[in-house]
C-alpha atoms as a PDB file:
ATOM      1  CA  MET A   1       0.188   0.046   0.029  1.00  0.00           C
ATOM      2  CA  GLY A   2       2.874   2.199   1.087  1.00  0.00           C
ATOM      3  CA  LYS A   3       4.612   1.681  -2.345  1.00  0.00           C
ATOM      4  CA  LYS A   4       1.487   2.220  -4.339  1.00  0.00           C
ATOM      5  CA  ARG A   5       1.019   5.445  -2.617  1.00  0.00           C
ATOM      6  CA  HIS A   6       4.468   6.481  -3.278  1.00  0.00           C
ATOM      7  CA  VAL A   7       3.984   6.066  -6.869  1.00  0.00           C
ATOM      8  CA  ASN A   8       0.786   7.824  -7.016  1.00  0.00           C
ATOM      9  CA  ASP A   9       2.591  10.894  -5.150  1.00  0.00           C
ATOM     10  CA  LYS A  10       5.154  10.708  -7.893  1.00  0.00           C
ATOM     11  CA  VAL A  11       2.684  10.750 -10.635  1.00  0.00           C
ATOM     12  CA  GLN A  12       0.961  13.649  -8.983  1.00  0.00           C
ATOM     13  CA  VAL A  13       4.152  15.621  -8.602  1.00  0.00           C
ATOM     14  CA  PHE A  14       5.227  14.993 -12.381  1.00  0.00           C
ATOM     15  CA  LEU A  15       1.497  16.240 -13.659  1.00  0.00           C
ATOM     16  CA  ALA A  16       1.783  19.360 -11.477  1.00  0.00           C
ATOM     17  CA  GLY A  17       4.934  20.419 -13.329  1.00  0.00           C
ATOM     18  CA  HIS A  18       3.457  19.646 -16.735  1.00  0.00           C
ATOM     19  CA  PRO A  19       0.154  21.225 -16.934  1.00  0.00           C
ATOM     20  CA  VAL A  20      -0.328  20.114 -20.571  1.00  0.00           C
ATOM     21  CA  ALA A  21       0.210  16.280 -19.565  1.00  0.00           C
ATOM     22  CA  LYS A  22      -2.025  17.032 -16.532  1.00  0.00           C
ATOM     23  CA  GLY A  23      -4.976  18.285 -18.761  1.00  0.00           C
ATOM     24  CA  ILE A  24      -4.653  15.501 -21.256  1.00  0.00           C
ATOM     25  CA  TYR A  25      -4.318  12.725 -18.525  1.00  0.00           C
ATOM     26  CA  GLU A  26      -7.661  14.422 -16.742  1.00  0.00           C
ATOM     27  CA  ASN A  27      -9.509  14.716 -19.698  1.00  0.00           C
ATOM     28  CA  THR A  28      -8.787  11.142 -20.962  1.00  0.00           C
ATOM     29  CA  VAL A  29      -9.701   9.788 -17.590  1.00  0.00           C
ATOM     30  CA  ALA A  30     -13.024  11.969 -17.685  1.00  0.00           C
ATOM     31  CA  ILE A  31     -13.785  10.410 -21.398  1.00  0.00           C
ATOM     32  CA  LEU A  32     -13.147   6.644 -19.987  1.00  0.00           C
ATOM     33  CA  MET A  33     -15.238   7.175 -16.930  1.00  0.00           C
ATOM     34  CA  SER A  34     -17.870   8.775 -18.925  1.00  0.00           C
ATOM     35  CA  THR A  35     -18.219   5.957 -21.399  1.00  0.00           C
ATOM     36  CA  LEU A  36     -18.339   3.523 -18.153  1.00  0.00           C
ATOM     37  CA  SER A  37     -21.148   5.539 -16.725  1.00  0.00           C
ATOM     38  CA  ALA A  38     -22.950   5.618 -19.987  1.00  0.00           C
ATOM     39  CA  PHE A  39     -22.680   1.834 -20.450  1.00  0.00           C
ATOM     40  CA  CYS A  40     -23.916   1.013 -16.858  1.00  0.00           C
ATOM     41  CA  PHE A  41     -26.903   3.227 -17.356  1.00  0.00           C
ATOM     42  CA  ALA A  42     -27.616   1.894 -20.804  1.00  0.00           C
ATOM     43  CA  PHE A  43     -27.170  -1.713 -19.759  1.00  0.00           C
ATOM     44  CA  GLY A  44     -29.441  -1.185 -16.856  1.00  0.00           C
ATOM     45  CA  TYR A  45     -31.992   0.533 -18.777  1.00  0.00           C
ATOM     46  CA  VAL A  46     -32.271  -1.874 -21.699  1.00  0.00           C
ATOM     47  CA  CYS A  47     -32.138  -4.892 -19.538  1.00  0.00           C
ATOM     48  CA  PHE A  48     -34.116  -4.102 -16.388  1.00  0.00           C
ATOM     49  CA  LEU A  49     -35.983  -0.507 -16.820  1.00  0.00           C
ATOM     50  CA  ALA A  50     -37.541  -1.334 -20.119  1.00  0.00           C
ATOM     51  CA  PRO A  51     -36.355  -4.693 -21.844  1.00  0.00           C
ATOM     52  CA  SER A  52     -36.787  -4.655 -25.454  1.00  0.00           C
ATOM     53  CA  ALA A  53     -36.195  -8.226 -25.891  1.00  0.00           C
ATOM     54  CA  PRO A  54     -39.472 -10.115 -25.533  1.00  0.00           C
ATOM     55  CA  VAL A  55     -39.682 -12.995 -22.972  1.00  0.00           C
ATOM     56  CA  ASP A  56     -41.685 -15.906 -23.723  1.00  0.00           C
ATOM     57  CA  GLY A  57     -42.852 -14.025 -26.689  1.00  0.00           C
ATOM     58  CA  ALA A  58     -44.339 -11.239 -24.563  1.00  0.00           C
ATOM     59  CA  THR A  59     -42.691  -7.625 -23.816  1.00  0.00           C
ATOM     60  CA  LEU A  60     -42.375  -6.998 -20.144  1.00  0.00           C
ATOM     61  CA  ASP A  61     -43.731  -4.144 -18.610  1.00  0.00           C
ATOM     62  CA  PRO A  62     -41.213  -1.376 -18.039  1.00  0.00           C
ATOM     63  CA  ILE A  63     -40.156   0.554 -15.023  1.00  0.00           C
ATOM     64  CA  VAL A  64     -39.850   3.862 -15.268  1.00  0.00           C
ATOM     65  CA  SER A  65     -36.446   5.223 -14.507  1.00  0.00           C
ATOM     66  CA  GLY A  66     -35.594   8.601 -12.970  1.00  0.00           C
ATOM     67  CA  GLY A  67     -34.457  11.728 -14.497  1.00  0.00           C
ATOM     68  CA  MET A  68     -34.830  12.757 -17.956  1.00  0.00           C
ATOM     69  CA  SER A  69     -34.698   9.035 -18.747  1.00  0.00           C
ATOM     70  CA  GLY A  70     -37.962   8.783 -16.923  1.00  0.00           C
ATOM     71  CA  VAL A  71     -39.181  11.834 -18.690  1.00  0.00           C
ATOM     72  CA  SER A  72     -38.252  10.320 -22.097  1.00  0.00           C
ATOM     73  CA  GLN A  73     -39.988   7.211 -21.291  1.00  0.00           C
ATOM     74  CA  THR A  74     -43.134   8.900 -20.172  1.00  0.00           C
ATOM     75  CA  LEU A  75     -43.051  11.181 -23.213  1.00  0.00           C
ATOM     76  CA  THR A  76     -42.815   8.051 -25.207  1.00  0.00           C
ATOM     77  CA  LEU A  77     -45.882   6.542 -23.582  1.00  0.00           C
ATOM     78  CA  ALA A  78     -47.787   9.641 -24.153  1.00  0.00           C
ATOM     79  CA  LEU A  79     -46.869   9.546 -28.061  1.00  0.00           C
ATOM     80  CA  GLU A  80     -48.373   5.948 -28.039  1.00  0.00           C
ATOM     81  CA  LEU A  81     -51.537   7.491 -26.728  1.00  0.00           C
ATOM     82  CA  LEU A  82     -51.469  10.394 -28.952  1.00  0.00           C
ATOM     83  CA  PHE A  83     -50.663   8.463 -31.833  1.00  0.00           C
ATOM     84  CA  PRO A  84     -52.066   4.938 -31.565  1.00  0.00           C
ATOM     85  CA  MET A  85     -51.846   4.278 -35.598  1.00  0.00           C
ATOM     86  CA  VAL A  86     -48.098   4.723 -35.632  1.00  0.00           C
ATOM     87  CA  GLU A  87     -45.680   1.903 -34.588  1.00  0.00           C
ATOM     88  CA  ILE A  88     -42.875   3.600 -32.196  1.00  0.00           C
ATOM     89  CA  ASN A  89     -39.831   1.949 -31.412  1.00  0.00           C
ATOM     90  CA  HIS A  90     -39.172   2.696 -27.833  1.00  0.00           C
ATOM     91  CA  ALA A  91     -35.261   2.416 -27.836  1.00  0.00           C
ATOM     92  CA  VAL A  92     -35.053   5.014 -30.823  1.00  0.00           C
ATOM     93  CA  ALA A  93     -37.785   7.110 -29.536  1.00  0.00           C
ATOM     94  CA  TYR A  94     -36.291   7.218 -25.949  1.00  0.00           C
ATOM     95  CA  SER A  95     -32.814   7.806 -27.347  1.00  0.00           C
ATOM     96  CA  ILE A  96     -34.027  11.121 -29.475  1.00  0.00           C
ATOM     97  CA  LEU A  97     -35.901  12.338 -26.456  1.00  0.00           C
ATOM     98  CA  TYR A  98     -33.195  11.693 -24.068  1.00  0.00           C
ATOM     99  CA  PHE A  99     -30.649  13.829 -25.906  1.00  0.00           C
ATOM    100  CA  VAL A 100     -33.215  16.735 -27.075  1.00  0.00           C
ATOM    101  CA  LEU A 101     -34.733  17.152 -23.332  1.00  0.00           C
ATOM    102  CA  ASN A 102     -31.184  17.457 -21.964  1.00  0.00           C
ATOM    103  CA  ILE A 103     -30.298  20.751 -23.919  1.00  0.00           C
ATOM    104  CA  PRO A 104     -32.134  23.054 -21.698  1.00  0.00           C
ATOM    105  CA  ILE A 105     -30.725  21.179 -18.916  1.00  0.00           C
ATOM    106  CA  LEU A 106     -27.258  21.708 -20.278  1.00  0.00           C
ATOM    107  CA  ILE A 107     -27.447  25.149 -20.473  1.00  0.00           C
ATOM    108  CA  LEU A 108     -28.183  25.580 -16.908  1.00  0.00           C
ATOM    109  CA  SER A 109     -25.048  23.510 -16.150  1.00  0.00           C
ATOM    110  CA  TRP A 110     -23.070  25.874 -18.391  1.00  0.00           C
ATOM    111  CA  VAL A 111     -24.219  28.881 -16.667  1.00  0.00           C
ATOM    112  CA  GLY A 112     -24.613  27.663 -13.085  1.00  0.00           C
ATOM    113  CA  ILE A 113     -21.999  24.800 -12.482  1.00  0.00           C
ATOM    114  CA  SER A 114     -18.965  24.838 -14.728  1.00  0.00           C
ATOM    115  CA  LYS A 115     -18.324  24.696 -18.631  1.00  0.00           C
ATOM    116  CA  ARG A 116     -16.189  21.654 -18.495  1.00  0.00           C
ATOM    117  CA  PHE A 117     -18.667  20.129 -16.329  1.00  0.00           C
ATOM    118  CA  THR A 118     -21.214  20.615 -19.371  1.00  0.00           C
ATOM    119  CA  ILE A 119     -19.008  19.315 -21.829  1.00  0.00           C
ATOM    120  CA  PHE A 120     -18.584  16.075 -20.217  1.00  0.00           C
ATOM    121  CA  THR A 121     -22.156  15.736 -19.238  1.00  0.00           C
ATOM    122  CA  LEU A 122     -22.958  16.559 -23.131  1.00  0.00           C
ATOM    123  CA  ILE A 123     -20.449  13.533 -23.839  1.00  0.00           C
ATOM    124  CA  ASN A 124     -22.270  11.398 -21.436  1.00  0.00           C
ATOM    125  CA  VAL A 125     -25.805  12.158 -22.728  1.00  0.00           C
ATOM    126  CA  ALA A 126     -24.894  11.373 -26.084  1.00  0.00           C
ATOM    127  CA  SER A 127     -22.966   8.056 -25.053  1.00  0.00           C
ATOM    128  CA  VAL A 128     -26.005   7.033 -23.132  1.00  0.00           C
ATOM    129  CA  SER A 129     -28.122   7.978 -26.208  1.00  0.00           C
ATOM    130  CA  ILE A 130     -26.120   5.722 -28.619  1.00  0.00           C
ATOM    131  CA  LEU A 131     -25.652   3.063 -26.393  1.00  0.00           C
ATOM    132  CA  THR A 132     -29.162   2.568 -25.340  1.00  0.00           C
ATOM    133  CA  SER A 133     -30.171   2.683 -29.149  1.00  0.00           C
ATOM    134  CA  LEU A 134     -27.506   0.050 -30.007  1.00  0.00           C
ATOM    135  CA  LEU A 135     -28.153  -2.429 -27.233  1.00  0.00           C
ATOM    136  CA  GLY A 136     -31.863  -1.837 -27.691  1.00  0.00           C
ATOM    137  CA  SER A 137     -32.216  -2.390 -31.683  1.00  0.00           C
ATOM    138  CA  LEU A 138     -29.390  -4.957 -32.232  1.00  0.00           C
ATOM    139  CA  PRO A 139     -30.471  -8.603 -32.057  1.00  0.00           C
ATOM    140  CA  ILE A 140     -28.185  -9.746 -29.134  1.00  0.00           C
ATOM    141  CA  GLU A 141     -28.912 -13.409 -28.401  1.00  0.00           C
ATOM    142  CA  TRP A 142     -26.956 -13.551 -24.864  1.00  0.00           C
ATOM    143  CA  LEU A 143     -28.866 -10.224 -23.891  1.00  0.00           C
ATOM    144  CA  SER A 144     -32.373 -11.742 -24.702  1.00  0.00           C
ATOM    145  CA  SER A 145     -31.211 -14.852 -22.573  1.00  0.00           C
ATOM    146  CA  PHE A 146     -29.970 -12.645 -19.741  1.00  0.00           C
ATOM    147  CA  VAL A 147     -33.150 -10.702 -19.565  1.00  0.00           C
ATOM    148  CA  ASP A 148     -35.298 -14.041 -19.446  1.00  0.00           C
ATOM    149  CA  PHE A 149     -33.414 -15.373 -16.821  1.00  0.00           C
ATOM    150  CA  ILE A 150     -33.571 -12.282 -14.301  1.00  0.00           C
ATOM    151  CA  ASN A 151     -37.286 -12.208 -15.021  1.00  0.00           C
ATOM    152  CA  GLN A 152     -37.727 -15.768 -14.424  1.00  0.00           C
ATOM    153  CA  ASN A 153     -35.514 -15.727 -11.234  1.00  0.00           C
ATOM    154  CA  GLY A 154     -36.674 -12.733  -9.593  1.00  0.00           C
ATOM    155  CA  GLY A 155     -39.264 -10.708 -11.707  1.00  0.00           C
ATOM    156  CA  MET A 156     -40.177  -7.084 -11.051  1.00  0.00           C
ATOM    157  CA  LEU A 157     -38.189  -7.006  -7.875  1.00  0.00           C
ATOM    158  CA  ALA A 158     -34.760  -8.255  -8.943  1.00  0.00           C
ATOM    159  CA  ARG A 159     -35.475  -5.784 -11.988  1.00  0.00           C
ATOM    160  CA  ALA A 160     -35.949  -2.811  -9.798  1.00  0.00           C
ATOM    161  CA  LEU A 161     -32.952  -3.921  -7.475  1.00  0.00           C
ATOM    162  CA  PHE A 162     -30.531  -4.363 -10.518  1.00  0.00           C
ATOM    163  CA  ALA A 163     -31.561  -1.212 -12.226  1.00  0.00           C
ATOM    164  CA  GLY A 164     -31.359   0.817  -8.758  1.00  0.00           C
ATOM    165  CA  VAL A 165     -27.858  -0.246  -8.635  1.00  0.00           C
ATOM    166  CA  LEU A 166     -26.599   0.081 -12.231  1.00  0.00           C
ATOM    167  CA  THR A 167     -28.281   3.453 -12.527  1.00  0.00           C
ATOM    168  CA  GLY A 168     -26.795   4.806  -9.374  1.00  0.00           C
ATOM    169  CA  LEU A 169     -23.129   3.421 -10.016  1.00  0.00           C
ATOM    170  CA  SER A 170     -23.814   5.328 -13.428  1.00  0.00           C
ATOM    171  CA  THR A 171     -24.614   8.456 -11.866  1.00  0.00           C
ATOM    172  CA  ALA A 172     -22.205   7.967  -8.607  1.00  0.00           C
ATOM    173  CA  ILE A 173     -19.128   7.437 -11.370  1.00  0.00           C
ATOM    174  CA  ALA A 174     -20.278  10.464 -13.175  1.00  0.00           C
ATOM    175  CA  PHE A 175     -20.277  12.794 -10.163  1.00  0.00           C
ATOM    176  CA  LYS A 176     -16.903  11.570  -8.897  1.00  0.00           C
ATOM    177  CA  PHE A 177     -15.366  12.531 -12.173  1.00  0.00           C
ATOM    178  CA  ASP A 178     -17.194  16.033 -12.070  1.00  0.00           C
ATOM    179  CA  LEU A 179     -19.623  15.197 -14.615  1.00  0.00           C
ATOM    180  CA  SER A 180     -23.242  13.835 -14.706  1.00  0.00           C
ATOM    181  CA  PRO A 181     -25.829  11.917 -16.829  1.00  0.00           C
ATOM    182  CA  GLY A 182     -27.568  15.007 -17.473  1.00  0.00           C
ATOM    183  CA  GLY A 183     -31.351  15.685 -16.930  1.00  0.00           C
ATOM    184  CA  ILE A 184     -32.770  15.854 -13.337  1.00  0.00           C
ATOM    185  CA  ASP A 185     -29.432  14.723 -11.928  1.00  0.00           C
ATOM    186  CA  VAL A 186     -28.125  18.109 -13.099  1.00  0.00           C
ATOM    187  CA  ILE A 187     -30.925  19.950 -11.328  1.00  0.00           C
ATOM    188  CA  ALA A 188     -30.532  18.079  -8.143  1.00  0.00           C
ATOM    189  CA  TYR A 189     -26.485  18.468  -8.248  1.00  0.00           C
ATOM    190  CA  TYR A 190     -27.168  22.233  -8.640  1.00  0.00           C
ATOM    191  CA  ILE A 191     -29.250  22.426  -5.770  1.00  0.00           C
ATOM    192  CA  ALA A 192     -26.898  20.303  -3.625  1.00  0.00           C
ATOM    193  CA  LEU A 193     -24.067  22.299  -4.298  1.00  0.00           C
ATOM    194  CA  LYS A 194     -25.821  25.634  -3.501  1.00  0.00           C
ATOM    195  CA  LYS A 195     -26.996  24.191  -0.199  1.00  0.00           C
ATOM    196  CA  SER A 196     -23.970  22.352   0.568  1.00  0.00           C
ATOM    197  CA  THR A 197     -25.863  18.831   0.939  1.00  0.00           C
ATOM    198  CA  LEU A 198     -26.320  15.412  -0.730  1.00  0.00           C
ATOM    199  CA  THR A 199     -28.285  15.119  -4.034  1.00  0.00           C
ATOM    200  CA  GLY A 200     -30.237  12.264  -2.836  1.00  0.00           C
ATOM    201  CA  LYS A 201     -33.256  13.792  -1.399  1.00  0.00           C
ATOM    202  CA  TYR A 202     -33.916  16.348  -4.223  1.00  0.00           C
ATOM    203  CA  ALA A 203     -33.358  13.909  -6.891  1.00  0.00           C
ATOM    204  CA  MET A 204     -36.101  11.480  -5.086  1.00  0.00           C
ATOM    205  CA  MET A 205     -38.842  14.436  -5.121  1.00  0.00           C
ATOM    206  CA  LEU A 206     -38.217  15.147  -8.716  1.00  0.00           C
ATOM    207  CA  ASN A 207     -38.104  11.630  -9.742  1.00  0.00           C
ATOM    208  CA  GLY A 208     -41.044  10.533  -7.667  1.00  0.00           C
ATOM    209  CA  THR A 209     -43.138  13.090  -9.726  1.00  0.00           C
ATOM    210  CA  VAL A 210     -42.172  11.491 -12.948  1.00  0.00           C
ATOM    211  CA  ALA A 211     -42.929   8.242 -11.680  1.00  0.00           C
ATOM    212  CA  LEU A 212     -46.604   9.500 -10.799  1.00  0.00           C
ATOM    213  CA  ALA A 213     -46.976  10.691 -14.242  1.00  0.00           C
ATOM    214  CA  PHE A 214     -45.777   7.550 -15.870  1.00  0.00           C
ATOM    215  CA  PHE A 215     -48.453   5.731 -13.974  1.00  0.00           C
ATOM    216  CA  LEU A 216     -51.068   8.040 -14.746  1.00  0.00           C
ATOM    217  CA  LEU A 217     -50.220   7.525 -18.387  1.00  0.00           C
ATOM    218  CA  THR A 218     -50.180   3.658 -17.992  1.00  0.00           C
ATOM    219  CA  ALA A 219     -53.340   3.539 -16.489  1.00  0.00           C
ATOM    220  CA  THR A 220     -55.030   5.940 -19.229  1.00  0.00           C
ATOM    221  CA  LYS A 221     -53.553   3.645 -21.949  1.00  0.00           C
ATOM    222  CA  ALA A 222     -55.296   0.541 -20.339  1.00  0.00           C
ATOM    223  CA  GLY A 223     -58.412   2.688 -20.329  1.00  0.00           C
ATOM    224  CA  TRP A 224     -58.410   2.584 -16.493  1.00  0.00           C
ATOM    225  CA  ALA A 225     -59.349  -1.171 -16.369  1.00  0.00           C
ATOM    226  CA  TYR A 226     -59.387  -2.596 -12.921  1.00  0.00           C
ATOM    227  CA  ASN A 227     -56.547  -5.014 -13.630  1.00  0.00           C
ATOM    228  CA  GLU A 228     -54.151  -3.237 -15.663  1.00  0.00           C
ATOM    229  CA  VAL A 229     -54.529  -0.318 -12.951  1.00  0.00           C
ATOM    230  CA  ILE A 230     -53.750  -2.651 -10.228  1.00  0.00           C
ATOM    231  CA  VAL A 231     -50.765  -3.794 -12.235  1.00  0.00           C
ATOM    232  CA  ALA A 232     -49.568  -0.194 -13.166  1.00  0.00           C
ATOM    233  CA  PHE A 233     -50.114   0.506  -9.263  1.00  0.00           C
ATOM    234  CA  ALA A 234     -47.986  -2.295  -8.265  1.00  0.00           C
ATOM    235  CA  SER A 235     -45.311  -1.210 -10.910  1.00  0.00           C
ATOM    236  CA  LEU A 236     -45.231   2.125  -9.196  1.00  0.00           C
ATOM    237  CA  PHE A 237     -44.058   0.737  -6.187  1.00  0.00           C
ATOM    238  CA  PHE A 238     -41.116  -1.200  -7.835  1.00  0.00           C
ATOM    239  CA  THR A 239     -40.369   2.341  -9.600  1.00  0.00           C
ATOM    240  CA  VAL A 240     -40.189   3.832  -6.141  1.00  0.00           C
ATOM    241  CA  LEU A 241     -37.906   1.005  -4.890  1.00  0.00           C
ATOM    242  CA  TYR A 242     -35.572   1.355  -7.782  1.00  0.00           C
ATOM    243  CA  ILE A 243     -35.485   5.419  -7.327  1.00  0.00           C
ATOM    244  CA  MET A 244     -34.669   4.548  -3.440  1.00  0.00           C
ATOM    245  CA  VAL A 245     -31.797   2.080  -4.306  1.00  0.00           C
ATOM    246  CA  SER A 246     -30.383   4.395  -7.013  1.00  0.00           C
ATOM    247  CA  GLN A 247     -30.231   7.162  -4.785  1.00  0.00           C
ATOM    248  CA  ILE A 248     -28.654   5.360  -1.861  1.00  0.00           C
ATOM    249  CA  VAL A 249     -25.964   4.205  -4.108  1.00  0.00           C
ATOM    250  CA  VAL A 250     -25.459   7.695  -5.510  1.00  0.00           C
ATOM    251  CA  ASP A 251     -25.030   9.014  -1.937  1.00  0.00           C
ATOM    252  CA  THR A 252     -22.738   6.266  -0.714  1.00  0.00           C
ATOM    253  CA  ILE A 253     -20.188   6.829  -3.585  1.00  0.00           C
ATOM    254  CA  ASN A 254     -20.658  10.432  -3.991  1.00  0.00           C
ATOM    255  CA  ILE A 255     -18.989  12.089  -1.273  1.00  0.00           C
ATOM    256  CA  ARG A 256     -18.170  15.715  -2.399  1.00  0.00           C
ATOM    257  CA  ASN A 257     -20.763  17.505  -0.094  1.00  0.00           C
ATOM    258  CA  LYS A 258     -20.289  14.932   2.882  1.00  0.00           C
ATOM    259  CA  LYS A 259     -18.297  16.508   5.784  1.00  0.00           C
ATOM    260  CA  THR A 260     -16.582  15.015   8.758  1.00  0.00           C
ATOM    261  CA  LYS A 261     -15.545  16.575  12.296  1.00  0.00           C
ATOM    262  CA  ILE A 262     -12.149  15.767  13.313  1.00  0.00           C
ATOM    263  CA  GLU A 263     -10.878  15.937  16.909  1.00  0.00           C
ATOM    264  CA  ILE A 264      -7.258  15.575  17.570  1.00  0.00           C
ATOM    265  CA  VAL A 265      -5.819  15.274  21.128  1.00  0.00           C
ATOM    266  CA  THR A 266      -2.100  16.269  20.960  1.00  0.00           C
ATOM    267  CA  ALA A 267       0.485  17.733  23.007  1.00  0.00           C
ATOM    268  CA  ARG A 268       1.633  20.076  19.960  1.00  0.00           C
ATOM    269  CA  GLU A 269      -0.410  23.352  19.760  1.00  0.00           C
ATOM    270  CA  ASP A 270       1.410  24.127  16.529  1.00  0.00           C
ATOM    271  CA  LEU A 271      -0.344  21.424  14.842  1.00  0.00           C
ATOM    272  CA  ALA A 272      -3.473  23.281  14.058  1.00  0.00           C
ATOM    273  CA  SER A 273      -1.493  26.134  12.148  1.00  0.00           C
ATOM    274  CA  TYR A 274      -0.004  23.195  10.163  1.00  0.00           C
ATOM    275  CA  LEU A 275      -3.197  21.814   9.315  1.00  0.00           C
ATOM    276  CA  ILE A 276      -4.734  25.301   8.127  1.00  0.00           C
ATOM    277  CA  GLU A 277      -1.852  25.626   6.110  1.00  0.00           C
ATOM    278  CA  VAL A 278      -2.357  22.284   4.219  1.00  0.00           C
ATOM    279  CA  PHE A 279      -6.232  22.346   4.086  1.00  0.00           C
ATOM    280  CA  PRO A 280      -8.663  24.933   3.390  1.00  0.00           C
ATOM    281  CA  HIS A 281     -10.500  25.135   6.516  1.00  0.00           C
ATOM    282  CA  ALA A 282     -10.233  26.710   9.937  1.00  0.00           C
ATOM    283  CA  ALA A 283      -9.580  24.714  13.533  1.00  0.00           C
ATOM    284  CA  THR A 284     -10.440  25.593  17.174  1.00  0.00           C
ATOM    285  CA  ILE A 285      -8.186  24.586  19.928  1.00  0.00           C
ATOM    286  CA  VAL A 286      -9.352  24.032  23.388  1.00  0.00           C
ATOM    287  CA  ARG A 287      -6.824  23.736  26.205  1.00  0.00           C
ATOM    288  CA  ALA A 288      -7.175  20.540  27.961  1.00  0.00           C
ATOM    289  CA  GLN A 289      -5.551  18.227  30.682  1.00  0.00           C
ATOM    290  CA  GLY A 290      -4.941  14.601  30.417  1.00  0.00           C
ATOM    291  CA  ALA A 291      -7.014  12.769  33.133  1.00  0.00           C
ATOM    292  CA  TYR A 292      -4.443   9.977  33.736  1.00  0.00           C
ATOM    293  CA  SER A 293      -1.252  11.694  33.058  1.00  0.00           C
ATOM    294  CA  HIS A 294      -2.280  15.386  33.973  1.00  0.00           C
ATOM    295  CA  ALA A 295      -0.256  16.488  31.231  1.00  0.00           C
ATOM    296  CA  ASP A 296      -1.340  19.675  29.266  1.00  0.00           C
ATOM    297  CA  LYS A 297      -2.963  18.876  26.172  1.00  0.00           C
ATOM    298  CA  TYR A 298      -4.809  20.673  23.090  1.00  0.00           C
ATOM    299  CA  ILE A 299      -7.744  19.522  21.700  1.00  0.00           C
ATOM    300  CA  ILE A 300      -8.202  20.584  18.062  1.00  0.00           C
ATOM    301  CA  THR A 301     -11.574  20.576  16.327  1.00  0.00           C
ATOM    302  CA  MET A 302     -11.599  20.702  12.243  1.00  0.00           C
ATOM    303  CA  VAL A 303     -14.379  19.812   9.915  1.00  0.00           C
ATOM    304  CA  VAL A 304     -12.984  18.637   6.687  1.00  0.00           C
ATOM    305  CA  SER A 305     -14.741  17.109   3.238  1.00  0.00           C
ATOM    306  CA  SER A 306     -15.080  13.480   3.394  1.00  0.00           C
ATOM    307  CA  TYR A 307     -12.774  12.817   0.400  1.00  0.00           C
ATOM    308  CA  GLU A 308     -10.244  14.931   2.522  1.00  0.00           C
ATOM    309  CA  LEU A 309     -10.136  12.846   5.596  1.00  0.00           C
ATOM    310  CA  LYS A 310      -7.955  10.214   4.231  1.00  0.00           C
ATOM    311  CA  ASP A 311      -5.437  12.787   3.690  1.00  0.00           C
ATOM    312  CA  ALA A 312      -5.818  14.764   7.024  1.00  0.00           C
ATOM    313  CA  ILE A 313      -5.622  11.425   9.031  1.00  0.00           C
ATOM    314  CA  SER A 314      -2.172  11.084   7.192  1.00  0.00           C
ATOM    315  CA  VAL A 315      -1.014  14.272   7.512  1.00  0.00           C
ATOM    316  CA  ILE A 316      -1.832  14.487  11.471  1.00  0.00           C
ATOM    317  CA  GLN A 317      -0.236  10.804  12.301  1.00  0.00           C
ATOM    318  CA  THR A 318       2.918  12.004  10.340  1.00  0.00           C
ATOM    319  CA  GLU A 319       3.431  15.153  12.406  1.00  0.00           C
ATOM    320  CA  ASP A 320       2.487  13.762  15.671  1.00  0.00           C
ATOM    321  CA  PRO A 321       2.296   9.841  15.788  1.00  0.00           C
ATOM    322  CA  SER A 322       1.252  10.109  19.655  1.00  0.00           C
ATOM    323  CA  SER A 323      -2.163  11.923  18.705  1.00  0.00           C
ATOM    324  CA  PHE A 324      -5.445  10.649  19.610  1.00  0.00           C
ATOM    325  CA  ILE A 325      -7.957  11.244  16.701  1.00  0.00           C
ATOM    326  CA  GLN A 326     -11.815  11.127  16.640  1.00  0.00           C
ATOM    327  CA  VAL A 327     -13.732  11.080  13.604  1.00  0.00           C
ATOM    328  CA  THR A 328     -17.390  11.825  13.489  1.00  0.00           C
ATOM    329  CA  GLU A 329     -19.782  12.043  10.455  1.00  0.00           C
ATOM    330  CA  LEU A 330     -22.037  15.457  10.112  1.00  0.00           C
ATOM    331  CA  VAL A 331     -25.248  15.546   8.425  1.00  0.00           C
ATOM    332  CA  GLN A 332     -25.001  19.350   7.832  1.00  0.00           C
ATOM    333  CA  VAL A 333     -22.568  21.971   8.336  1.00  0.00           C
ATOM    334  CA  TYR A 334     -24.228  25.877   8.496  1.00  0.00           C
ATOM    335  CA  GLY A 335     -21.929  28.717   8.026  1.00  0.00           C
ATOM    336  CA  ARG A 336     -19.112  29.246   5.730  1.00  0.00           C
ATOM    337  CA  PHE A 337     -17.325  25.730   4.507  1.00  0.00           C
ATOM    338  CA  PHE A 338     -15.178  25.739   1.509  1.00  0.00           C
ATOM    339  CA  ILE A 339     -15.464  23.055  -0.853  1.00  0.00           C
ATOM    340  CA  THR A 340     -13.401  22.520  -3.967  1.00  0.00           C
ATOM    341  CA  PRO A 341     -15.314  24.138  -7.091  1.00  0.00           C
ATOM    342  CA  VAL A 342     -16.370  21.761  -9.517  1.00  0.00           C
ATOM    343  CA  LYS A 343     -13.828  21.631 -12.424  1.00  0.00           C
END
């Protein structure tokens, strides 16, 4: 582990002295992660949310996804109701709507978050559209067998869980590398940045509204027949489960707005000055006395972002190996707290 960290440090030192190489490296990593994020979402959509491959000769009922993906599904269903005489290819219609609906969201991202964030979000959105269309349109035999196996061994519950994990992972990977899957996730991310909190609760409220609209359209398409409405209402519960699993995965992996309190018991008063030089956060010092040794001590309290925690612990233990460190996760912080801006 120490050797790996040493290699990483050497790489970071090299990149710091070569801005062009650093830019190429960071952009290459972002493109690769954007592609991985897009594939996770497209695979989850085609296999679990709205399988285009028939199972036992019948098409499975879709689970509405969140974000602009869910809005695209809802509008595709609305088009079927408005133009019943036209045969609509779900995968192609979804891909086109997904891309078009993200345009005004990308404008908000450009103005309210960052230009780089917007560019890579656009790449992600385009990748999702292309991969979803390809996976949904190509006659891939193993994909049909996979969908068939999942449906026979877990049904809607398995589909909701797998879809939640994959789409949550897609969003979390995107947020981790300062981009997003677009749509409602951008709105939730923008609000979370302004309020310095997690994205989950905002995304769940917005996605819940989309799921409800999809349920109403599904029931309308069925003519509000009793049995069909019951099935649609049951599907709504699986949709809510999918949304909840997705947001749990996102908030578990995306730690940008998570904050942690560190309390250090040390004999070195100057440790606080060193910490505020290394990290962009202030600290508070309280004079104390050891209950057993009766020696003079200092309790240093500092709040850091969760992604800074590992480095903070390393710095403290390097400077004062005999220090005692207590770490507490925080729900929210009120007041001025610096978070590294989105690139």
